[in-house]
PDB file of all heavy atoms in Angstrom:
ATOM      1  N   LEU A   1     -10.244 -28.808   8.964  1.00  0.00           N
ATOM      2  CA  LEU A   1     -10.549 -27.665   9.822  1.00  0.00           C
ATOM      3  C   LEU A   1      -9.280 -26.886  10.155  1.00  0.00           C
ATOM      4  O   LEU A   1      -9.265 -25.649  10.101  1.00  0.00           O
ATOM      5  CB  LEU A   1     -11.235 -28.134  11.107  1.00  0.00           C
ATOM      6  CG  LEU A   1     -11.546 -27.033  12.130  1.00  0.00           C
ATOM      7  CD1 LEU A   1     -12.504 -26.007  11.544  1.00  0.00           C
ATOM      8  CD2 LEU A   1     -12.117 -27.641  13.421  1.00  0.00           C
ATOM      9  N   VAL A   2      -8.216 -27.599  10.509  1.00  0.00           N
ATOM     10  CA  VAL A   2      -6.940 -26.940  10.830  1.00  0.00           C
ATOM     11  C   VAL A   2      -6.438 -26.134   9.636  1.00  0.00           C
ATOM     12  O   VAL A   2      -5.986 -24.987   9.779  1.00  0.00           O
ATOM     13  CB  VAL A   2      -5.890 -27.979  11.266  1.00  0.00           C
ATOM     14  CG1 VAL A   2      -4.517 -27.329  11.388  1.00  0.00           C
ATOM     15  CG2 VAL A   2      -6.290 -28.620  12.591  1.00  0.00           C
ATOM     16  N   ASP A   3      -6.545 -26.712   8.449  1.00  0.00           N
ATOM     17  CA  ASP A   3      -6.081 -26.020   7.247  1.00  0.00           C
ATOM     18  C   ASP A   3      -6.922 -24.776   6.952  1.00  0.00           C
ATOM     19  O   ASP A   3      -6.391 -23.732   6.564  1.00  0.00           O
ATOM     20  CB  ASP A   3      -6.129 -26.973   6.047  1.00  0.00           C
ATOM     21  CG  ASP A   3      -5.055 -28.051   6.115  1.00  0.00           C
ATOM     22  OD1 ASP A   3      -4.077 -27.851   6.859  1.00  0.00           O
ATOM     23  OD2 ASP A   3      -5.204 -29.083   5.442  1.00  0.00           O
ATOM     24  N   VAL A   4      -8.239 -24.897   7.137  1.00  0.00           N
ATOM     25  CA  VAL A   4      -9.128 -23.755   6.899  1.00  0.00           C
ATOM     26  C   VAL A   4      -8.833 -22.640   7.900  1.00  0.00           C
ATOM     27  O   VAL A   4      -8.769 -21.458   7.540  1.00  0.00           O
ATOM     28  CB  VAL A   4     -10.606 -24.185   6.990  1.00  0.00           C
ATOM     29  CG1 VAL A   4     -11.525 -22.974   6.991  1.00  0.00           C
ATOM     30  CG2 VAL A   4     -10.958 -25.098   5.826  1.00  0.00           C
ATOM     31  N   VAL A   5      -8.647 -23.011   9.168  1.00  0.00           N
ATOM     32  CA  VAL A   5      -8.332 -22.016  10.197  1.00  0.00           C
ATOM     33  C   VAL A   5      -7.033 -21.291   9.854  1.00  0.00           C
ATOM     34  O   VAL A   5      -6.947 -20.054   9.952  1.00  0.00           O
ATOM     35  CB  VAL A   5      -8.222 -22.684  11.585  1.00  0.00           C
ATOM     36  CG1 VAL A   5      -7.635 -21.707  12.600  1.00  0.00           C
ATOM     37  CG2 VAL A   5      -9.586 -23.158  12.052  1.00  0.00           C
ATOM     38  N   ARG A   6      -6.015 -22.021   9.431  1.00  0.00           N
ATOM     39  CA  ARG A   6      -4.736 -21.402   9.067  1.00  0.00           C
ATOM     40  C   ARG A   6      -4.904 -20.440   7.895  1.00  0.00           C
ATOM     41  O   ARG A   6      -4.350 -19.337   7.893  1.00  0.00           O
ATOM     42  CB  ARG A   6      -3.725 -22.484   8.710  1.00  0.00           C
ATOM     43  CG  ARG A   6      -3.174 -23.247   9.903  1.00  0.00           C
ATOM     44  CD  ARG A   6      -2.263 -24.368   9.438  1.00  0.00           C
ATOM     45  NE  ARG A   6      -1.670 -25.088  10.568  1.00  0.00           N
ATOM     46  CZ  ARG A   6      -0.989 -26.225  10.443  1.00  0.00           C
ATOM     47  NH1 ARG A   6      -0.798 -26.756   9.233  1.00  0.00           N
ATOM     48  NH2 ARG A   6      -0.479 -26.814  11.506  1.00  0.00           N
ATOM     49  N   SER A   7      -5.665 -20.843   6.900  1.00  0.00           N
ATOM     50  CA  SER A   7      -5.857 -20.006   5.714  1.00  0.00           C
ATOM     51  C   SER A   7      -6.599 -18.724   6.052  1.00  0.00           C
ATOM     52  O   SER A   7      -6.256 -17.636   5.579  1.00  0.00           O
ATOM     53  CB  SER A   7      -6.616 -20.788   4.639  1.00  0.00           C
ATOM     54  OG  SER A   7      -5.893 -21.921   4.221  1.00  0.00           O
ATOM     55  N   ILE A   8      -7.625 -18.842   6.900  1.00  0.00           N
ATOM     56  CA  ILE A   8      -8.405 -17.663   7.267  1.00  0.00           C
ATOM     57  C   ILE A   8      -7.618 -16.755   8.194  1.00  0.00           C
ATOM     58  O   ILE A   8      -7.665 -15.519   8.075  1.00  0.00           O
ATOM     59  CB  ILE A   8      -9.740 -18.088   7.904  1.00  0.00           C
ATOM     60  CG1 ILE A   8     -10.636 -18.727   6.830  1.00  0.00           C
ATOM     61  CG2 ILE A   8     -10.452 -16.900   8.544  1.00  0.00           C
ATOM     62  CD1 ILE A   8     -11.992 -19.188   7.326  1.00  0.00           C
ATOM     63  N   LEU A   9      -6.867 -17.354   9.123  1.00  0.00           N
ATOM     64  CA  LEU A   9      -6.049 -16.536  10.030  1.00  0.00           C
ATOM     65  C   LEU A   9      -5.013 -15.718   9.272  1.00  0.00           C
ATOM     66  O   LEU A   9      -4.652 -14.612   9.685  1.00  0.00           O
ATOM     67  CB  LEU A   9      -5.341 -17.430  11.048  1.00  0.00           C
ATOM     68  CG  LEU A   9      -6.135 -17.873  12.274  1.00  0.00           C
ATOM     69  CD1 LEU A   9      -5.310 -18.800  13.140  1.00  0.00           C
ATOM     70  CD2 LEU A   9      -6.597 -16.670  13.085  1.00  0.00           C
ATOM     71  N   ALA A  10      -4.545 -16.251   8.161  1.00  0.00           N
ATOM     72  CA  ALA A  10      -3.503 -15.563   7.391  1.00  0.00           C
ATOM     73  C   ALA A  10      -3.987 -14.238   6.824  1.00  0.00           C
ATOM     74  O   ALA A  10      -3.172 -13.342   6.570  1.00  0.00           O
ATOM     75  CB  ALA A  10      -3.017 -16.469   6.259  1.00  0.00           C
ATOM     76  N   ILE A  11      -5.308 -14.096   6.627  1.00  0.00           N
ATOM     77  CA  ILE A  11      -5.832 -12.858   6.041  1.00  0.00           C
ATOM     78  C   ILE A  11      -6.776 -12.111   7.001  1.00  0.00           C
ATOM     79  O   ILE A  11      -7.309 -11.065   6.644  1.00  0.00           O
ATOM     80  CB  ILE A  11      -6.563 -13.141   4.715  1.00  0.00           C
ATOM     81  CG1 ILE A  11      -7.631 -14.229   4.871  1.00  0.00           C
ATOM     82  CG2 ILE A  11      -5.555 -13.587   3.667  1.00  0.00           C
ATOM     83  CD1 ILE A  11      -8.956 -13.768   5.295  1.00  0.00           C
ATOM     84  N   ALA A  12      -6.958 -12.624   8.210  1.00  0.00           N
ATOM     85  CA  ALA A  12      -7.832 -11.958   9.176  1.00  0.00           C
ATOM     86  C   ALA A  12      -7.189 -10.664   9.668  1.00  0.00           C
ATOM     87  O   ALA A  12      -5.963 -10.587   9.808  1.00  0.00           O
ATOM     88  CB  ALA A  12      -8.102 -12.883  10.364  1.00  0.00           C
ATOM     89  N   PRO A  13      -7.997  -9.632   9.946  1.00  0.00           N
ATOM     90  CA  PRO A  13      -7.454  -8.379  10.480  1.00  0.00           C
ATOM     91  C   PRO A  13      -6.730  -8.628  11.802  1.00  0.00           C
ATOM     92  O   PRO A  13      -7.159  -9.463  12.606  1.00  0.00           O
ATOM     93  CB  PRO A  13      -8.705  -7.512  10.686  1.00  0.00           C
ATOM     94  CG  PRO A  13      -9.763  -8.128   9.837  1.00  0.00           C
ATOM     95  CD  PRO A  13      -9.457  -9.589   9.782  1.00  0.00           C
ATOM     96  N   SER A  14      -5.645  -7.908  12.040  1.00  0.00           N
ATOM     97  CA  SER A  14      -4.859  -8.129  13.256  1.00  0.00           C
ATOM     98  C   SER A  14      -5.671  -7.867  14.523  1.00  0.00           C
ATOM     99  O   SER A  14      -5.517  -8.574  15.524  1.00  0.00           O
ATOM    100  CB  SER A  14      -3.622  -7.234  13.244  1.00  0.00           C
ATOM    101  OG  SER A  14      -3.989  -5.864  13.117  1.00  0.00           O
ATOM    102  N   GLU A  15      -6.549  -6.872  14.483  1.00  0.00           N
ATOM    103  CA  GLU A  15      -7.352  -6.547  15.660  1.00  0.00           C
ATOM    104  C   GLU A  15      -8.456  -7.573  15.904  1.00  0.00           C
ATOM    105  O   GLU A  15      -9.111  -7.566  16.948  1.00  0.00           O
ATOM    106  CB  GLU A  15      -7.959  -5.144  15.533  1.00  0.00           C
ATOM    107  CG  GLU A  15      -8.950  -4.966  14.406  1.00  0.00           C
ATOM    108  CD  GLU A  15      -8.285  -4.715  13.075  1.00  0.00           C
ATOM    109  OE1 GLU A  15      -7.034  -4.609  13.021  1.00  0.00           O
ATOM    110  OE2 GLU A  15      -9.020  -4.607  12.077  1.00  0.00           O
ATOM    111  N   TRP A  16      -8.666  -8.464  14.923  1.00  0.00           N
ATOM    112  CA  TRP A  16      -9.665  -9.522  15.072  1.00  0.00           C
ATOM    113  C   TRP A  16      -9.354 -10.390  16.279  1.00  0.00           C
ATOM    114  O   TRP A  16     -10.260 -10.914  16.933  1.00  0.00           O
ATOM    115  CB  TRP A  16      -9.685 -10.360  13.791  1.00  0.00           C
ATOM    116  CG  TRP A  16     -10.428 -11.654  13.898  1.00  0.00           C
ATOM    117  CD1 TRP A  16     -11.763 -11.867  13.676  1.00  0.00           C
ATOM    118  CD2 TRP A  16      -9.882 -12.932  14.253  1.00  0.00           C
ATOM    119  NE1 TRP A  16     -12.073 -13.184  13.867  1.00  0.00           N
ATOM    120  CE2 TRP A  16     -10.941 -13.869  14.229  1.00  0.00           C
ATOM    121  CE3 TRP A  16      -8.600 -13.374  14.581  1.00  0.00           C
ATOM    122  CZ2 TRP A  16     -10.750 -15.209  14.524  1.00  0.00           C
ATOM    123  CZ3 TRP A  16      -8.414 -14.712  14.886  1.00  0.00           C
ATOM    124  CH2 TRP A  16      -9.478 -15.611  14.855  1.00  0.00           C
ATOM    125  N   VAL A  17      -8.078 -10.539  16.600  1.00  0.00           N
ATOM    126  CA  VAL A  17      -7.672 -11.373  17.731  1.00  0.00           C
ATOM    127  C   VAL A  17      -8.313 -10.883  19.026  1.00  0.00           C
ATOM    128  O   VAL A  17      -8.738 -11.677  19.874  1.00  0.00           O
ATOM    129  CB  VAL A  17      -6.134 -11.387  17.863  1.00  0.00           C
ATOM    130  CG1 VAL A  17      -5.710 -12.177  19.102  1.00  0.00           C
ATOM    131  CG2 VAL A  17      -5.493 -11.987  16.623  1.00  0.00           C
ATOM    132  N   LEU A  18      -8.403  -9.570  19.200  1.00  0.00           N
ATOM    133  CA  LEU A  18      -9.009  -9.012  20.412  1.00  0.00           C
ATOM    134  C   LEU A  18     -10.498  -9.347  20.490  1.00  0.00           C
ATOM    135  O   LEU A  18     -11.006  -9.716  21.551  1.00  0.00           O
ATOM    136  CB  LEU A  18      -8.803  -7.497  20.443  1.00  0.00           C
ATOM    137  CG  LEU A  18      -7.353  -7.027  20.545  1.00  0.00           C
ATOM    138  CD1 LEU A  18      -7.295  -5.498  20.498  1.00  0.00           C
ATOM    139  CD2 LEU A  18      -6.712  -7.544  21.825  1.00  0.00           C
ATOM    140  N   ALA A  19     -11.184  -9.219  19.357  1.00  0.00           N
ATOM    141  CA  ALA A  19     -12.603  -9.554  19.330  1.00  0.00           C
ATOM    142  C   ALA A  19     -12.806 -11.046  19.583  1.00  0.00           C
ATOM    143  O   ALA A  19     -13.737 -11.451  20.288  1.00  0.00           O
ATOM    144  CB  ALA A  19     -13.217  -9.148  17.990  1.00  0.00           C
ATOM    145  N   PHE A  20     -11.927 -11.870  19.018  1.00  0.00           N
ATOM    146  CA  PHE A  20     -12.003 -13.312  19.221  1.00  0.00           C
ATOM    147  C   PHE A  20     -11.784 -13.651  20.691  1.00  0.00           C
ATOM    148  O   PHE A  20     -12.503 -14.485  21.265  1.00  0.00           O
ATOM    149  CB  PHE A  20     -10.953 -14.005  18.345  1.00  0.00           C
ATOM    150  CG  PHE A  20     -10.965 -15.505  18.432  1.00  0.00           C
ATOM    151  CD1 PHE A  20     -12.041 -16.226  17.956  1.00  0.00           C
ATOM    152  CD2 PHE A  20      -9.886 -16.190  18.974  1.00  0.00           C
ATOM    153  CE1 PHE A  20     -12.055 -17.619  18.023  1.00  0.00           C
ATOM    154  CE2 PHE A  20      -9.894 -17.579  19.041  1.00  0.00           C
ATOM    155  CZ  PHE A  20     -10.979 -18.290  18.564  1.00  0.00           C
ATOM    156  N   ALA A  21     -10.805 -13.007  21.320  1.00  0.00           N
ATOM    157  CA  ALA A  21     -10.542 -13.235  22.746  1.00  0.00           C
ATOM    158  C   ALA A  21     -11.744 -12.815  23.588  1.00  0.00           C
ATOM    159  O   ALA A  21     -12.085 -13.469  24.576  1.00  0.00           O
ATOM    160  CB  ALA A  21      -9.295 -12.464  23.174  1.00  0.00           C
ATOM    161  N   ALA A  22     -12.391 -11.725  23.195  1.00  0.00           N
ATOM    162  CA  ALA A  22     -13.568 -11.262  23.922  1.00  0.00           C
ATOM    163  C   ALA A  22     -14.697 -12.290  23.853  1.00  0.00           C
ATOM    164  O   ALA A  22     -15.415 -12.512  24.835  1.00  0.00           O
ATOM    165  CB  ALA A  22     -14.042  -9.923  23.359  1.00  0.00           C
ATOM    166  N   LEU A  23     -14.847 -12.922  22.702  1.00  0.00           N
ATOM    167  CA  LEU A  23     -15.864 -13.964  22.570  1.00  0.00           C
ATOM    168  C   LEU A  23     -15.531 -15.174  23.444  1.00  0.00           C
ATOM    169  O   LEU A  23     -16.425 -15.812  24.014  1.00  0.00           O
ATOM    170  CB  LEU A  23     -15.996 -14.388  21.105  1.00  0.00           C
ATOM    171  CG  LEU A  23     -16.659 -13.372  20.175  1.00  0.00           C
ATOM    172  CD1 LEU A  23     -16.606 -13.852  18.735  1.00  0.00           C
ATOM    173  CD2 LEU A  23     -18.107 -13.119  20.588  1.00  0.00           C
ATOM    174  N   TRP A  24     -14.248 -15.492  23.566  1.00  0.00           N
ATOM    175  CA  TRP A  24     -13.834 -16.563  24.484  1.00  0.00           C
ATOM    176  C   TRP A  24     -14.279 -16.239  25.907  1.00  0.00           C
ATOM    177  O   TRP A  24     -14.785 -17.097  26.627  1.00  0.00           O
ATOM    178  CB  TRP A  24     -12.316 -16.722  24.461  1.00  0.00           C
ATOM    179  CG  TRP A  24     -11.802 -17.650  23.424  1.00  0.00           C
ATOM    180  CD1 TRP A  24     -11.272 -17.312  22.211  1.00  0.00           C
ATOM    181  CD2 TRP A  24     -11.746 -19.078  23.476  1.00  0.00           C
ATOM    182  NE1 TRP A  24     -10.900 -18.443  21.516  1.00  0.00           N
ATOM    183  CE2 TRP A  24     -11.173 -19.538  22.265  1.00  0.00           C
ATOM    184  CE3 TRP A  24     -12.126 -20.010  24.443  1.00  0.00           C
ATOM    185  CZ2 TRP A  24     -10.981 -20.892  21.991  1.00  0.00           C
ATOM    186  CZ3 TRP A  24     -11.931 -21.368  24.170  1.00  0.00           C
ATOM    187  CH2 TRP A  24     -11.367 -21.790  22.967  1.00  0.00           C
ATOM    188  N   VAL A  25     -14.078 -14.988  26.306  1.00  0.00           N
ATOM    189  CA  VAL A  25     -14.452 -14.568  27.654  1.00  0.00           C
ATOM    190  C   VAL A  25     -15.962 -14.661  27.841  1.00  0.00           C
ATOM    191  O   VAL A  25     -16.459 -15.177  28.851  1.00  0.00           O
ATOM    192  CB  VAL A  25     -13.968 -13.132  27.927  1.00  0.00           C
ATOM    193  CG1 VAL A  25     -14.516 -12.622  29.257  1.00  0.00           C
ATOM    194  CG2 VAL A  25     -12.448 -13.066  27.922  1.00  0.00           C
TER     195      VAL A  25
END
């Protein structure tokens, strides 16, 4: 899981972080 997350994060759009944070909220 850690390896998959790292691989996907490497190519995820930079603004994706904001959407991900919103889902956390």
